N, C-alpha and C. Protein backbone atom coordinates (compact mmCIF):
# COMPACT_ATOMS: atom_id res chain seq x y z
N UNK A 1 -17.00 -5.54 -5.47
CA UNK A 1 -15.56 -5.57 -5.68
C UNK A 1 -14.95 -6.51 -4.64
N UNK A 2 -14.23 -7.49 -5.10
CA UNK A 2 -13.62 -8.46 -4.20
C UNK A 2 -12.30 -8.00 -3.61
N UNK A 3 -11.46 -7.35 -4.43
CA UNK A 3 -10.10 -7.07 -3.98
C UNK A 3 -9.56 -5.82 -4.66
N UNK A 4 -8.79 -5.04 -3.91
CA UNK A 4 -7.99 -3.98 -4.51
C UNK A 4 -6.54 -4.25 -4.15
N UNK A 5 -5.65 -3.79 -5.01
CA UNK A 5 -4.23 -4.08 -4.86
C UNK A 5 -3.46 -2.78 -4.70
N UNK A 6 -2.57 -2.78 -3.72
CA UNK A 6 -1.66 -1.66 -3.50
C UNK A 6 -0.25 -2.11 -3.85
N UNK A 7 0.44 -1.29 -4.60
CA UNK A 7 1.86 -1.51 -4.85
C UNK A 7 2.61 -0.82 -3.72
N UNK A 8 3.38 -1.59 -2.96
CA UNK A 8 4.10 -1.07 -1.80
C UNK A 8 5.58 -1.01 -2.13
N UNK A 9 6.19 0.12 -1.81
CA UNK A 9 7.62 0.31 -2.04
C UNK A 9 8.28 0.65 -0.71
N UNK A 10 9.39 -0.02 -0.42
CA UNK A 10 10.16 0.32 0.77
C UNK A 10 11.11 1.45 0.40
N UNK A 11 11.03 2.53 1.15
CA UNK A 11 11.83 3.70 0.88
C UNK A 11 13.24 3.55 1.45
N UNK A 12 14.16 4.37 0.99
CA UNK A 12 15.55 4.30 1.45
C UNK A 12 15.67 4.55 2.95
N UNK A 13 14.77 5.35 3.50
CA UNK A 13 14.81 5.65 4.94
C UNK A 13 14.19 4.55 5.79
N UNK A 14 13.67 3.49 5.15
CA UNK A 14 13.09 2.38 5.88
C UNK A 14 11.58 2.40 5.94
N UNK A 15 10.96 3.50 5.62
CA UNK A 15 9.50 3.57 5.61
C UNK A 15 8.93 2.94 4.35
N UNK A 16 7.60 2.96 4.25
CA UNK A 16 6.91 2.34 3.12
C UNK A 16 5.90 3.33 2.53
N UNK A 17 5.70 3.22 1.21
CA UNK A 17 4.62 3.93 0.55
C UNK A 17 3.74 2.90 -0.15
N UNK A 18 2.45 3.21 -0.23
CA UNK A 18 1.51 2.28 -0.87
C UNK A 18 0.59 3.07 -1.79
N UNK A 19 0.48 2.61 -3.02
CA UNK A 19 -0.38 3.25 -4.02
C UNK A 19 -1.31 2.21 -4.61
N UNK A 20 -2.61 2.50 -4.57
CA UNK A 20 -3.60 1.59 -5.13
C UNK A 20 -3.48 1.61 -6.66
N UNK A 21 -3.57 0.44 -7.27
CA UNK A 21 -3.42 0.34 -8.72
C UNK A 21 -4.69 0.69 -9.49
N UNK A 22 -5.85 0.67 -8.83
CA UNK A 22 -7.11 0.90 -9.53
C UNK A 22 -7.90 2.10 -9.05
N UNK A 23 -7.57 2.62 -7.88
CA UNK A 23 -8.27 3.78 -7.33
C UNK A 23 -7.24 4.83 -6.96
N UNK A 24 -7.70 6.05 -6.71
CA UNK A 24 -6.81 7.14 -6.37
C UNK A 24 -6.59 7.17 -4.85
N UNK A 25 -5.85 6.16 -4.35
CA UNK A 25 -5.57 6.05 -2.92
C UNK A 25 -4.06 5.90 -2.76
N UNK A 26 -3.49 6.71 -1.87
CA UNK A 26 -2.05 6.68 -1.60
C UNK A 26 -1.85 6.92 -0.12
N UNK A 27 -0.95 6.16 0.50
CA UNK A 27 -0.63 6.38 1.91
C UNK A 27 0.78 5.89 2.18
N UNK A 28 1.25 6.10 3.40
CA UNK A 28 2.60 5.69 3.78
C UNK A 28 2.64 5.34 5.26
N UNK A 29 3.73 4.72 5.67
CA UNK A 29 3.93 4.38 7.07
C UNK A 29 5.39 4.15 7.36
N UNK A 30 5.79 4.42 8.60
CA UNK A 30 7.19 4.23 8.99
C UNK A 30 7.53 2.76 9.19
N UNK A 31 6.53 1.95 9.57
CA UNK A 31 6.74 0.52 9.77
C UNK A 31 5.69 -0.24 8.96
N UNK A 32 5.89 -1.55 8.82
CA UNK A 32 4.93 -2.37 8.07
C UNK A 32 3.57 -2.34 8.76
N UNK A 33 3.57 -2.45 10.09
CA UNK A 33 2.31 -2.43 10.84
C UNK A 33 1.59 -1.09 10.68
N UNK A 34 2.33 0.00 10.72
CA UNK A 34 1.73 1.33 10.52
C UNK A 34 1.18 1.47 9.11
N UNK A 35 1.90 0.95 8.13
CA UNK A 35 1.43 1.00 6.75
C UNK A 35 0.12 0.23 6.61
N UNK A 36 0.04 -0.97 7.19
CA UNK A 36 -1.19 -1.76 7.12
C UNK A 36 -2.36 -0.98 7.70
N UNK A 37 -2.18 -0.36 8.86
CA UNK A 37 -3.24 0.42 9.49
C UNK A 37 -3.63 1.60 8.60
N UNK A 38 -2.64 2.31 8.06
CA UNK A 38 -2.92 3.47 7.23
C UNK A 38 -3.63 3.09 5.94
N UNK A 39 -3.27 1.94 5.36
CA UNK A 39 -3.96 1.46 4.16
C UNK A 39 -5.43 1.19 4.47
N UNK A 40 -5.68 0.50 5.57
CA UNK A 40 -7.06 0.18 5.94
C UNK A 40 -7.86 1.45 6.23
N UNK A 41 -7.26 2.43 6.89
CA UNK A 41 -7.92 3.71 7.15
C UNK A 41 -8.22 4.44 5.84
N UNK A 42 -7.25 4.43 4.92
CA UNK A 42 -7.43 5.11 3.64
C UNK A 42 -8.52 4.45 2.81
N UNK A 43 -8.57 3.12 2.82
CA UNK A 43 -9.60 2.40 2.08
C UNK A 43 -10.97 2.70 2.67
N UNK A 44 -11.07 2.68 4.00
CA UNK A 44 -12.35 2.98 4.66
C UNK A 44 -12.81 4.39 4.31
N UNK A 45 -11.89 5.35 4.30
CA UNK A 45 -12.25 6.72 3.95
C UNK A 45 -12.65 6.87 2.50
N UNK A 46 -11.94 6.22 1.62
CA UNK A 46 -12.24 6.32 0.19
C UNK A 46 -13.59 5.72 -0.15
N UNK A 47 -13.92 4.60 0.48
CA UNK A 47 -15.17 3.89 0.18
C UNK A 47 -16.25 4.17 1.23
N UNK A 48 -16.19 5.33 1.92
CA UNK A 48 -17.12 5.59 3.02
C UNK A 48 -18.58 5.57 2.59
N UNK A 49 -18.87 5.92 1.36
CA UNK A 49 -20.27 6.02 0.92
C UNK A 49 -20.66 4.97 -0.13
N UNK A 50 -19.84 3.95 -0.25
CA UNK A 50 -20.16 2.87 -1.20
C UNK A 50 -19.59 1.56 -0.69
N UNK A 51 -19.90 0.49 -1.38
CA UNK A 51 -19.46 -0.83 -0.95
C UNK A 51 -17.94 -0.95 -0.95
N UNK A 52 -17.41 -1.43 0.16
CA UNK A 52 -15.96 -1.60 0.30
C UNK A 52 -15.51 -2.93 -0.32
N UNK A 53 -14.25 -3.00 -0.76
CA UNK A 53 -13.74 -4.28 -1.25
C UNK A 53 -13.65 -5.28 -0.10
N UNK A 54 -13.73 -6.54 -0.44
CA UNK A 54 -13.66 -7.59 0.59
C UNK A 54 -12.22 -7.82 1.06
N UNK A 55 -11.25 -7.60 0.18
CA UNK A 55 -9.85 -7.83 0.52
C UNK A 55 -8.97 -6.69 -0.01
N UNK A 56 -7.87 -6.48 0.68
CA UNK A 56 -6.84 -5.55 0.24
C UNK A 56 -5.55 -6.34 0.12
N UNK A 57 -4.93 -6.29 -1.06
CA UNK A 57 -3.66 -6.99 -1.27
C UNK A 57 -2.54 -5.96 -1.28
N UNK A 58 -1.50 -6.22 -0.48
CA UNK A 58 -0.31 -5.38 -0.47
C UNK A 58 0.79 -6.11 -1.22
N UNK A 59 1.20 -5.55 -2.35
CA UNK A 59 2.22 -6.17 -3.20
C UNK A 59 3.51 -5.38 -3.01
N UNK A 60 4.45 -5.98 -2.28
CA UNK A 60 5.72 -5.32 -1.98
C UNK A 60 6.65 -5.42 -3.17
N UNK A 61 7.12 -4.28 -3.64
CA UNK A 61 8.08 -4.20 -4.73
C UNK A 61 9.42 -3.80 -4.13
N UNK A 62 10.41 -4.64 -4.34
CA UNK A 62 11.72 -4.36 -3.78
C UNK A 62 12.71 -4.13 -4.91
N UNK A 63 13.36 -3.00 -4.86
CA UNK A 63 14.37 -2.65 -5.85
C UNK A 63 15.74 -2.78 -5.19
N UNK A 64 16.55 -3.70 -5.68
CA UNK A 64 17.85 -3.96 -5.06
C UNK A 64 18.94 -3.84 -6.11
N UNK A 65 19.98 -3.11 -5.79
CA UNK A 65 21.11 -2.91 -6.69
C UNK A 65 22.29 -3.75 -6.19
N UNK A 66 22.79 -4.61 -7.05
CA UNK A 66 23.93 -5.45 -6.70
C UNK A 66 25.17 -5.01 -7.46
N UNK A 67 26.27 -4.90 -6.76
CA UNK A 67 27.54 -4.52 -7.41
C UNK A 67 28.15 -5.76 -8.07
N UNK A 68 28.66 -5.58 -9.25
CA UNK A 68 29.32 -6.65 -9.99
C UNK A 68 30.80 -6.31 -10.06
N UNK A 69 31.62 -7.26 -9.66
CA UNK A 69 33.05 -7.02 -9.82
C UNK A 69 33.80 -7.12 -8.61
């Protein structure tokens, strides 16, 4: 496996959540740096007994509401 992708969402409180699109892996962090560390820890734990992916992609999804008028 070359790559797994996490969909990352910034929460209203400023933290982040990350959910893997192909495996049952979910984690969160208060900062971007903490999220990166938690994702890597979660991936290492999930793949502890099998070959790990070579890359992890974090895809940030930003939902923004704009007022019209």
